[in-house]
């Protein structure tokens, strides 16, 4: 998978609300009502990650979740990260 350049990443991020480029990763933080909701979303995201065979760096503290995506084999952001971020947005948006 080809590493995207900064211009390609910034163009792709225009379709993803709230995601930003930081340290060769795309990053977004989410806040939920409580830990149960945060963990529920993380569980749904985990199943999608397995399906895509692509896994995030993430941190959860009570009701907050920060997700960082990059492709380790490419040493940067690839289309796999954009695709997973898009899927995550759909999961987070589900009621």
PDB file of N, CA and C in Angstrom:
ATOM      1  N   UNK A   1       0.848  -1.175   0.000  1.00  0.00           N
ATOM      2  CA  UNK A   1       0.000   0.000   0.000  1.00  0.00           C
ATOM      3  C   UNK A   1       0.895   1.239   0.000  1.00  0.00           C
ATOM      4  N   UNK A   2       0.595   2.176  -0.893  1.00  0.00           N
ATOM      5  CA  UNK A   2       1.409   3.377  -1.073  1.00  0.00           C
ATOM      6  C   UNK A   2       1.118   4.425   0.001  1.00  0.00           C
ATOM      7  N   UNK A   3       2.184   4.954   0.575  1.00  0.00           N
ATOM      8  CA  UNK A   3       2.064   6.050   1.541  1.00  0.00           C
ATOM      9  C   UNK A   3       1.568   7.298   0.811  1.00  0.00           C
ATOM     10  N   UNK A   4       0.565   7.950   1.378  1.00  0.00           N
ATOM     11  CA  UNK A   4       0.022   9.171   0.786  1.00  0.00           C
ATOM     12  C   UNK A   4       0.902  10.361   1.170  1.00  0.00           C
ATOM     13  N   UNK A   5       0.980  11.348   0.254  1.00  0.00           N
ATOM     14  CA  UNK A   5       1.703  12.568   0.603  1.00  0.00           C
ATOM     15  C   UNK A   5       0.757  13.527   1.325  1.00  0.00           C
ATOM     16  N   UNK A   6       1.296  14.601   1.858  1.00  0.00           N
ATOM     17  CA  UNK A   6       0.504  15.539   2.662  1.00  0.00           C
ATOM     18  C   UNK A   6      -0.676  16.105   1.883  1.00  0.00           C
ATOM     19  N   UNK A   7      -0.476  16.445   0.627  1.00  0.00           N
ATOM     20  CA  UNK A   7      -1.560  16.993  -0.194  1.00  0.00           C
ATOM     21  C   UNK A   7      -2.683  15.980  -0.356  1.00  0.00           C
ATOM     22  N   UNK A   8      -2.338  14.734  -0.619  1.00  0.00           N
ATOM     23  CA  UNK A   8      -3.348  13.679  -0.766  1.00  0.00           C
ATOM     24  C   UNK A   8      -4.112  13.463   0.540  1.00  0.00           C
ATOM     25  N   UNK A   9      -3.393  13.479   1.645  1.00  0.00           N
ATOM     26  CA  UNK A   9      -4.034  13.279   2.951  1.00  0.00           C
ATOM     27  C   UNK A   9      -4.990  14.427   3.251  1.00  0.00           C
ATOM     28  N   UNK A  10      -4.527  15.655   3.063  1.00  0.00           N
ATOM     29  CA  UNK A  10      -5.376  16.820   3.345  1.00  0.00           C
ATOM     30  C   UNK A  10      -6.630  16.815   2.480  1.00  0.00           C
ATOM     31  N   UNK A  11      -6.504  16.403   1.235  1.00  0.00           N
ATOM     32  CA  UNK A  11      -7.675  16.309   0.349  1.00  0.00           C
ATOM     33  C   UNK A  11      -8.653  15.261   0.888  1.00  0.00           C
ATOM     34  N   UNK A  12      -8.140  14.111   1.286  1.00  0.00           N
ATOM     35  CA  UNK A  12      -8.991  13.041   1.813  1.00  0.00           C
ATOM     36  C   UNK A  12      -9.658  13.456   3.123  1.00  0.00           C
ATOM     37  N   UNK A  13      -8.945  14.204   3.952  1.00  0.00           N
ATOM     38  CA  UNK A  13      -9.488  14.613   5.250  1.00  0.00           C
ATOM     39  C   UNK A  13     -10.643  15.599   5.114  1.00  0.00           C
ATOM     40  N   UNK A  14     -10.753  16.254   3.975  1.00  0.00           N
ATOM     41  CA  UNK A  14     -11.879  17.172   3.757  1.00  0.00           C
ATOM     42  C   UNK A  14     -13.213  16.434   3.781  1.00  0.00           C
ATOM     43  N   UNK A  15     -13.180  15.128   3.545  1.00  0.00           N
ATOM     44  CA  UNK A  15     -14.406  14.323   3.567  1.00  0.00           C
ATOM     45  C   UNK A  15     -14.661  13.710   4.945  1.00  0.00           C
ATOM     46  N   UNK A  16     -13.743  13.936   5.884  1.00  0.00           N
ATOM     47  CA  UNK A  16     -13.833  13.348   7.225  1.00  0.00           C
ATOM     48  C   UNK A  16     -13.843  14.456   8.272  1.00  0.00           C
ATOM     49  N   UNK A  17     -14.983  14.723   8.829  1.00  0.00           N
ATOM     50  CA  UNK A  17     -15.146  15.815   9.789  1.00  0.00           C
ATOM     51  C   UNK A  17     -14.343  15.579  11.068  1.00  0.00           C
ATOM     52  N   UNK A  18     -13.493  16.542  11.405  1.00  0.00           N
ATOM     53  CA  UNK A  18     -12.785  16.503  12.677  1.00  0.00           C
ATOM     54  C   UNK A  18     -11.478  15.734  12.697  1.00  0.00           C
ATOM     55  N   UNK A  19     -11.148  15.044  11.623  1.00  0.00           N
ATOM     56  CA  UNK A  19      -9.888  14.312  11.570  1.00  0.00           C
ATOM     57  C   UNK A  19      -8.779  15.284  11.166  1.00  0.00           C
ATOM     58  N   UNK A  20      -7.579  15.078  11.726  1.00  0.00           N
ATOM     59  CA  UNK A  20      -6.444  15.931  11.381  1.00  0.00           C
ATOM     60  C   UNK A  20      -5.188  15.074  11.230  1.00  0.00           C
ATOM     61  N   UNK A  21      -4.196  15.648  10.588  1.00  0.00           N
ATOM     62  CA  UNK A  21      -2.916  14.976  10.389  1.00  0.00           C
ATOM     63  C   UNK A  21      -1.959  15.422  11.488  1.00  0.00           C
ATOM     64  N   UNK A  22      -1.386  14.440  12.190  1.00  0.00           N
ATOM     65  CA  UNK A  22      -0.429  14.743  13.254  1.00  0.00           C
ATOM     66  C   UNK A  22       0.575  13.600  13.351  1.00  0.00           C
ATOM     67  N   UNK A  23       1.854  13.932  13.239  1.00  0.00           N
ATOM     68  CA  UNK A  23       2.927  12.938  13.385  1.00  0.00           C
ATOM     69  C   UNK A  23       2.731  11.729  12.477  1.00  0.00           C
ATOM     70  N   UNK A  24       2.444  11.980  11.197  1.00  0.00           N
ATOM     71  CA  UNK A  24       2.248  10.911  10.203  1.00  0.00           C
ATOM     72  C   UNK A  24       1.103   9.968  10.550  1.00  0.00           C
ATOM     73  N   UNK A  25       0.096  10.492  11.251  1.00  0.00           N
ATOM     74  CA  UNK A  25      -1.119   9.735  11.562  1.00  0.00           C
ATOM     75  C   UNK A  25      -2.312  10.657  11.359  1.00  0.00           C
ATOM     76  N   UNK A  26      -3.469  10.052  11.047  1.00  0.00           N
ATOM     77  CA  UNK A  26      -4.690  10.843  11.098  1.00  0.00           C
ATOM     78  C   UNK A  26      -5.333  10.570  12.451  1.00  0.00           C
ATOM     79  N   UNK A  27      -5.842  11.638  13.069  1.00  0.00           N
ATOM     80  CA  UNK A  27      -6.234  11.591  14.478  1.00  0.00           C
ATOM     81  C   UNK A  27      -7.590  12.258  14.676  1.00  0.00           C
ATOM     82  N   UNK A  28      -8.393  11.663  15.552  1.00  0.00           N
ATOM     83  CA  UNK A  28      -9.639  12.299  15.972  1.00  0.00           C
ATOM     84  C   UNK A  28      -9.975  11.840  17.382  1.00  0.00           C
ATOM     85  N   UNK A  29     -10.531  12.770  18.167  1.00  0.00           N
ATOM     86  CA  UNK A  29     -11.013  12.455  19.513  1.00  0.00           C
ATOM     87  C   UNK A  29     -12.526  12.535  19.538  1.00  0.00           C
ATOM     88  N   UNK A  30     -13.118  11.634  20.294  1.00  0.00           N
ATOM     89  CA  UNK A  30     -14.570  11.556  20.437  1.00  0.00           C
ATOM     90  C   UNK A  30     -14.911  11.627  21.919  1.00  0.00           C
ATOM     91  N   UNK A  31     -16.067  12.209  22.232  1.00  0.00           N
ATOM     92  CA  UNK A  31     -16.571  12.237  23.598  1.00  0.00           C
ATOM     93  C   UNK A  31     -17.962  11.624  23.602  1.00  0.00           C
ATOM     94  N   UNK A  32     -18.185  10.714  24.540  1.00  0.00           N
ATOM     95  CA  UNK A  32     -19.455  10.004  24.639  1.00  0.00           C
ATOM     96  C   UNK A  32     -20.145  10.355  25.951  1.00  0.00           C
ATOM     97  N   UNK A  33     -21.358   9.880  26.104  1.00  0.00           N
ATOM     98  CA  UNK A  33     -22.127  10.167  27.315  1.00  0.00           C
ATOM     99  C   UNK A  33     -21.458   9.578  28.557  1.00  0.00           C
ATOM    100  N   UNK A  34     -20.927   8.361  28.412  1.00  0.00           N
ATOM    101  CA  UNK A  34     -20.308   7.689  29.550  1.00  0.00           C
ATOM    102  C   UNK A  34     -19.380   6.589  29.037  1.00  0.00           C
ATOM    103  N   UNK A  35     -18.748   5.879  29.962  1.00  0.00           N
ATOM    104  CA  UNK A  35     -17.817   4.816  29.601  1.00  0.00           C
ATOM    105  C   UNK A  35     -18.503   3.701  28.822  1.00  0.00           C
ATOM    106  N   UNK A  36     -19.716   3.364  29.208  1.00  0.00           N
ATOM    107  CA  UNK A  36     -20.438   2.275  28.539  1.00  0.00           C
ATOM    108  C   UNK A  36     -20.633   2.580  27.061  1.00  0.00           C
ATOM    109  N   UNK A  37     -21.025   3.803  26.745  1.00  0.00           N
ATOM    110  CA  UNK A  37     -21.206   4.173  25.340  1.00  0.00           C
ATOM    111  C   UNK A  37     -19.866   4.165  24.607  1.00  0.00           C
ATOM    112  N   UNK A  38     -18.823   4.691  25.235  1.00  0.00           N
ATOM    113  CA  UNK A  38     -17.498   4.699  24.609  1.00  0.00           C
ATOM    114  C   UNK A  38     -17.035   3.276  24.312  1.00  0.00           C
ATOM    115  N   UNK A  39     -17.176   2.396  25.295  1.00  0.00           N
ATOM    116  CA  UNK A  39     -16.714   1.021  25.116  1.00  0.00           C
ATOM    117  C   UNK A  39     -17.561   0.279  24.085  1.00  0.00           C
ATOM    118  N   UNK A  40     -18.839   0.568  24.038  1.00  0.00           N
ATOM    119  CA  UNK A  40     -19.716  -0.036  23.035  1.00  0.00           C
ATOM    120  C   UNK A  40     -19.255   0.337  21.628  1.00  0.00           C
ATOM    121  N   UNK A  41     -18.959   1.616  21.421  1.00  0.00           N
ATOM    122  CA  UNK A  41     -18.478   2.064  20.102  1.00  0.00           C
ATOM    123  C   UNK A  41     -17.124   1.440  19.792  1.00  0.00           C
ATOM    124  N   UNK A  42     -16.255   1.342  20.796  1.00  0.00           N
ATOM    125  CA  UNK A  42     -14.950   0.716  20.582  1.00  0.00           C
ATOM    126  C   UNK A  42     -15.109  -0.741  20.151  1.00  0.00           C
ATOM    127  N   UNK A  43     -16.059  -1.429  20.742  1.00  0.00           N
ATOM    128  CA  UNK A  43     -16.309  -2.825  20.381  1.00  0.00           C
ATOM    129  C   UNK A  43     -16.765  -2.935  18.932  1.00  0.00           C
ATOM    130  N   UNK A  44     -17.687  -2.068  18.528  1.00  0.00           N
ATOM    131  CA  UNK A  44     -18.138  -2.078  17.133  1.00  0.00           C
ATOM    132  C   UNK A  44     -16.979  -1.753  16.187  1.00  0.00           C
ATOM    133  N   UNK A  45     -16.169  -0.776  16.569  1.00  0.00           N
ATOM    134  CA  UNK A  45     -15.008  -0.415  15.751  1.00  0.00           C
ATOM    135  C   UNK A  45     -14.035  -1.590  15.669  1.00  0.00           C
ATOM    136  N   UNK A  46     -13.821  -2.290  16.776  1.00  0.00           N
ATOM    137  CA  UNK A  46     -12.892  -3.430  16.790  1.00  0.00           C
ATOM    138  C   UNK A  46     -13.308  -4.501  15.790  1.00  0.00           C
ATOM    139  N   UNK A  47     -14.606  -4.790  15.708  1.00  0.00           N
ATOM    140  CA  UNK A  47     -15.075  -5.780  14.735  1.00  0.00           C
ATOM    141  C   UNK A  47     -14.830  -5.308  13.306  1.00  0.00           C
ATOM    142  N   UNK A  48     -15.042  -4.021  13.057  1.00  0.00           N
ATOM    143  CA  UNK A  48     -14.781  -3.475  11.720  1.00  0.00           C
ATOM    144  C   UNK A  48     -13.289  -3.521  11.402  1.00  0.00           C
ATOM    145  N   UNK A  49     -12.449  -3.251  12.385  1.00  0.00           N
ATOM    146  CA  UNK A  49     -10.999  -3.326  12.187  1.00  0.00           C
ATOM    147  C   UNK A  49     -10.576  -4.735  11.795  1.00  0.00           C
ATOM    148  N   UNK A  50     -11.134  -5.722  12.455  1.00  0.00           N
ATOM    149  CA  UNK A  50     -10.833  -7.112  12.108  1.00  0.00           C
ATOM    150  C   UNK A  50     -11.272  -7.414  10.682  1.00  0.00           C
ATOM    151  N   UNK A  51     -12.444  -6.938  10.318  1.00  0.00           N
ATOM    152  CA  UNK A  51     -12.967  -7.155   8.964  1.00  0.00           C
ATOM    153  C   UNK A  51     -12.027  -6.555   7.916  1.00  0.00           C
ATOM    154  N   UNK A  52     -11.498  -5.362   8.215  1.00  0.00           N
ATOM    155  CA  UNK A  52     -10.605  -4.684   7.269  1.00  0.00           C
ATOM    156  C   UNK A  52      -9.141  -5.100   7.449  1.00  0.00           C
ATOM    157  N   UNK A  53      -8.865  -5.887   8.494  1.00  0.00           N
ATOM    158  CA  UNK A  53      -7.493  -6.285   8.833  1.00  0.00           C
ATOM    159  C   UNK A  53      -6.582  -5.062   8.951  1.00  0.00           C
ATOM    160  N   UNK A  54      -7.093  -4.069   9.668  1.00  0.00           N
ATOM    161  CA  UNK A  54      -6.350  -2.827   9.891  1.00  0.00           C
ATOM    162  C   UNK A  54      -6.743  -2.316  11.271  1.00  0.00           C
ATOM    163  N   UNK A  55      -5.774  -1.992  12.091  1.00  0.00           N
ATOM    164  CA  UNK A  55      -6.051  -1.755  13.509  1.00  0.00           C
ATOM    165  C   UNK A  55      -5.527  -0.400  13.971  1.00  0.00           C
ATOM    166  N   UNK A  56      -6.307   0.303  14.798  1.00  0.00           N
ATOM    167  CA  UNK A  56      -5.933   1.651  15.228  1.00  0.00           C
ATOM    168  C   UNK A  56      -5.004   1.657  16.434  1.00  0.00           C
ATOM    169  N   UNK A  57      -4.372   2.790  16.621  1.00  0.00           N
ATOM    170  CA  UNK A  57      -3.790   3.138  17.915  1.00  0.00           C
ATOM    171  C   UNK A  57      -4.891   3.937  18.590  1.00  0.00           C
ATOM    172  N   UNK A  58      -5.285   3.531  19.771  1.00  0.00           N
ATOM    173  CA  UNK A  58      -6.348   4.291  20.424  1.00  0.00           C
ATOM    174  C   UNK A  58      -6.152   4.338  21.921  1.00  0.00           C
ATOM    175  N   UNK A  59      -6.793   5.353  22.514  1.00  0.00           N
ATOM    176  CA  UNK A  59      -6.726   5.548  23.952  1.00  0.00           C
ATOM    177  C   UNK A  59      -8.121   5.906  24.439  1.00  0.00           C
ATOM    178  N   UNK A  60      -8.539   5.219  25.494  1.00  0.00           N
ATOM    179  CA  UNK A  60      -9.852   5.459  26.084  1.00  0.00           C
ATOM    180  C   UNK A  60      -9.672   5.835  27.547  1.00  0.00           C
ATOM    181  N   UNK A  61     -10.228   6.970  27.925  1.00  0.00           N
ATOM    182  CA  UNK A  61     -10.288   7.385  29.322  1.00  0.00           C
ATOM    183  C   UNK A  61     -11.732   7.777  29.600  1.00  0.00           C
ATOM    184  N   UNK A  62     -12.390   6.995  30.445  1.00  0.00           N
ATOM    185  CA  UNK A  62     -13.801   7.146  30.795  1.00  0.00           C
ATOM    186  C   UNK A  62     -14.664   7.332  29.546  1.00  0.00           C
ATOM    187  N   UNK A  63     -15.121   8.545  29.258  1.00  0.00           N
ATOM    188  CA  UNK A  63     -16.043   8.741  28.133  1.00  0.00           C
ATOM    189  C   UNK A  63     -15.357   9.310  26.900  1.00  0.00           C
ATOM    190  N   UNK A  64     -14.042   9.370  26.907  1.00  0.00           N
ATOM    191  CA  UNK A  64     -13.333   9.918  25.746  1.00  0.00           C
ATOM    192  C   UNK A  64     -12.545   8.823  25.030  1.00  0.00           C
ATOM    193  N   UNK A  65     -12.436   8.997  23.735  1.00  0.00           N
ATOM    194  CA  UNK A  65     -11.719   8.044  22.885  1.00  0.00           C
ATOM    195  C   UNK A  65     -10.926   8.834  21.862  1.00  0.00           C
ATOM    196  N   UNK A  66      -9.633   8.587  21.790  1.00  0.00           N
ATOM    197  CA  UNK A  66      -8.787   9.184  20.764  1.00  0.00           C
ATOM    198  C   UNK A  66      -8.284   8.061  19.868  1.00  0.00           C
ATOM    199  N   UNK A  67      -8.475   8.256  18.567  1.00  0.00           N
ATOM    200  CA  UNK A  67      -8.071   7.254  17.583  1.00  0.00           C
ATOM    201  C   UNK A  67      -6.999   7.856  16.686  1.00  0.00           C
ATOM    202  N   UNK A  68      -5.921   7.100  16.497  1.00  0.00           N
ATOM    203  CA  UNK A  68      -4.825   7.497  15.612  1.00  0.00           C
ATOM    204  C   UNK A  68      -4.631   6.379  14.596  1.00  0.00           C
ATOM    205  N   UNK A  69      -4.632   6.749  13.325  1.00  0.00           N
ATOM    206  CA  UNK A  69      -4.498   5.754  12.267  1.00  0.00           C
ATOM    207  C   UNK A  69      -3.282   6.032  11.394  1.00  0.00           C
ATOM    208  N   UNK A  70      -2.517   4.996  11.149  1.00  0.00           N
ATOM    209  CA  UNK A  70      -1.496   4.999  10.114  1.00  0.00           C
ATOM    210  C   UNK A  70      -1.237   3.548   9.724  1.00  0.00           C
ATOM    211  N   UNK A  71      -0.524   3.370   8.640  1.00  0.00           N
ATOM    212  CA  UNK A  71      -0.214   2.028   8.160  1.00  0.00           C
ATOM    213  C   UNK A  71       1.254   1.766   8.465  1.00  0.00           C
ATOM    214  N   UNK A  72       1.504   0.890   9.410  1.00  0.00           N
ATOM    215  CA  UNK A  72       2.869   0.653   9.878  1.00  0.00           C
ATOM    216  C   UNK A  72       3.787   0.191   8.746  1.00  0.00           C
ATOM    217  N   UNK A  73       3.293  -0.696   7.878  1.00  0.00           N
ATOM    218  CA  UNK A  73       4.115  -1.209   6.777  1.00  0.00           C
ATOM    219  C   UNK A  73       4.547  -0.111   5.813  1.00  0.00           C
ATOM    220  N   UNK A  74       3.734   0.937   5.676  1.00  0.00           N
ATOM    221  CA  UNK A  74       4.047   2.042   4.763  1.00  0.00           C
ATOM    222  C   UNK A  74       4.719   3.202   5.495  1.00  0.00           C
ATOM    223  N   UNK A  75       4.797   3.109   6.815  1.00  0.00           N
ATOM    224  CA  UNK A  75       5.384   4.159   7.643  1.00  0.00           C
ATOM    225  C   UNK A  75       4.697   5.510   7.426  1.00  0.00           C
ATOM    226  N   UNK A  76       3.365   5.466   7.369  1.00  0.00           N
ATOM    227  CA  UNK A  76       2.600   6.699   7.194  1.00  0.00           C
ATOM    228  C   UNK A  76       1.148   6.393   6.893  1.00  0.00           C
ATOM    229  N   UNK A  77       0.447   7.396   6.409  1.00  0.00           N
ATOM    230  CA  UNK A  77      -0.979   7.279   6.112  1.00  0.00           C
ATOM    231  C   UNK A  77      -1.172   6.729   4.702  1.00  0.00           C
ATOM    232  N   UNK A  78      -2.085   5.760   4.581  1.00  0.00           N
ATOM    233  CA  UNK A  78      -2.440   5.190   3.280  1.00  0.00           C
ATOM    234  C   UNK A  78      -3.959   5.231   3.122  1.00  0.00           C
ATOM    235  N   UNK A  79      -4.412   4.782   1.974  1.00  0.00           N
ATOM    236  CA  UNK A  79      -5.855   4.728   1.728  1.00  0.00           C
ATOM    237  C   UNK A  79      -6.551   3.819   2.740  1.00  0.00           C
ATOM    238  N   UNK A  80      -5.848   2.814   3.255  1.00  0.00           N
ATOM    239  CA  UNK A  80      -6.435   1.942   4.282  1.00  0.00           C
ATOM    240  C   UNK A  80      -6.868   2.749   5.503  1.00  0.00           C
ATOM    241  N   UNK A  81      -6.092   3.757   5.853  1.00  0.00           N
ATOM    242  CA  UNK A  81      -6.423   4.590   7.012  1.00  0.00           C
ATOM    243  C   UNK A  81      -7.639   5.464   6.732  1.00  0.00           C
ATOM    244  N   UNK A  82      -7.700   6.010   5.541  1.00  0.00           N
ATOM    245  CA  UNK A  82      -8.851   6.829   5.146  1.00  0.00           C
ATOM    246  C   UNK A  82     -10.109   5.965   5.139  1.00  0.00           C
ATOM    247  N   UNK A  83      -9.995   4.758   4.597  1.00  0.00           N
ATOM    248  CA  UNK A  83     -11.147   3.845   4.551  1.00  0.00           C
ATOM    249  C   UNK A  83     -11.620   3.473   5.955  1.00  0.00           C
ATOM    250  N   UNK A  84     -10.678   3.186   6.849  1.00  0.00           N
ATOM    251  CA  UNK A  84     -11.062   2.829   8.212  1.00  0.00           C
ATOM    252  C   UNK A  84     -11.670   4.032   8.935  1.00  0.00           C
ATOM    253  N   UNK A  85     -11.108   5.208   8.747  1.00  0.00           N
ATOM    254  CA  UNK A  85     -11.675   6.415   9.363  1.00  0.00           C
ATOM    255  C   UNK A  85     -13.106   6.642   8.879  1.00  0.00           C
ATOM    256  N   UNK A  86     -13.353   6.401   7.605  1.00  0.00           N
ATOM    257  CA  UNK A  86     -14.705   6.535   7.047  1.00  0.00           C
ATOM    258  C   UNK A  86     -15.648   5.549   7.720  1.00  0.00           C
ATOM    259  N   UNK A  87     -15.205   4.319   7.893  1.00  0.00           N
ATOM    260  CA  UNK A  87     -16.021   3.308   8.574  1.00  0.00           C
ATOM    261  C   UNK A  87     -16.270   3.690  10.030  1.00  0.00           C
ATOM    262  N   UNK A  88     -15.253   4.212  10.691  1.00  0.00           N
ATOM    263  CA  UNK A  88     -15.400   4.635  12.083  1.00  0.00           C
ATOM    264  C   UNK A  88     -16.443   5.740  12.193  1.00  0.00           C
ATOM    265  N   UNK A  89     -16.415   6.679  11.272  1.00  0.00           N
ATOM    266  CA  UNK A  89     -17.408   7.758  11.277  1.00  0.00           C
ATOM    267  C   UNK A  89     -18.827   7.199  11.171  1.00  0.00           C
ATOM    268  N   UNK A  90     -19.002   6.191  10.336  1.00  0.00           N
ATOM    269  CA  UNK A  90     -20.328   5.575  10.189  1.00  0.00           C
ATOM    270  C   UNK A  90     -20.744   4.887  11.489  1.00  0.00           C
ATOM    271  N   UNK A  91     -19.814   4.195  12.119  1.00  0.00           N
ATOM    272  CA  UNK A  91     -20.115   3.501  13.380  1.00  0.00           C
ATOM    273  C   UNK A  91     -20.454   4.507  14.478  1.00  0.00           C
ATOM    274  N   UNK A  92     -19.681   5.546  14.599  1.00  0.00           N
ATOM    275  CA  UNK A  92     -19.924   6.559  15.633  1.00  0.00           C
ATOM    276  C   UNK A  92     -21.268   7.241  15.406  1.00  0.00           C
ATOM    277  N   UNK A  93     -21.641   7.418  14.154  1.00  0.00           N
ATOM    278  CA  UNK A  93     -22.896   8.086  13.826  1.00  0.00           C
ATOM    279  C   UNK A  93     -24.134   7.249  14.055  1.00  0.00           C
ATOM    280  N   UNK A  94     -23.955   5.934  14.250  1.00  0.00           N
ATOM    281  CA  UNK A  94     -25.104   5.051  14.471  1.00  0.00           C
ATOM    282  C   UNK A  94     -25.684   5.298  15.854  1.00  0.00           C
ATOM    283  N   UNK A  95     -26.992   5.249  15.928  1.00  0.00           N
ATOM    284  CA  UNK A  95     -27.667   5.473  17.228  1.00  0.00           C
ATOM    285  C   UNK A  95     -27.507   4.274  18.128  1.00  0.00           C
TER     286      UNK A  95
END
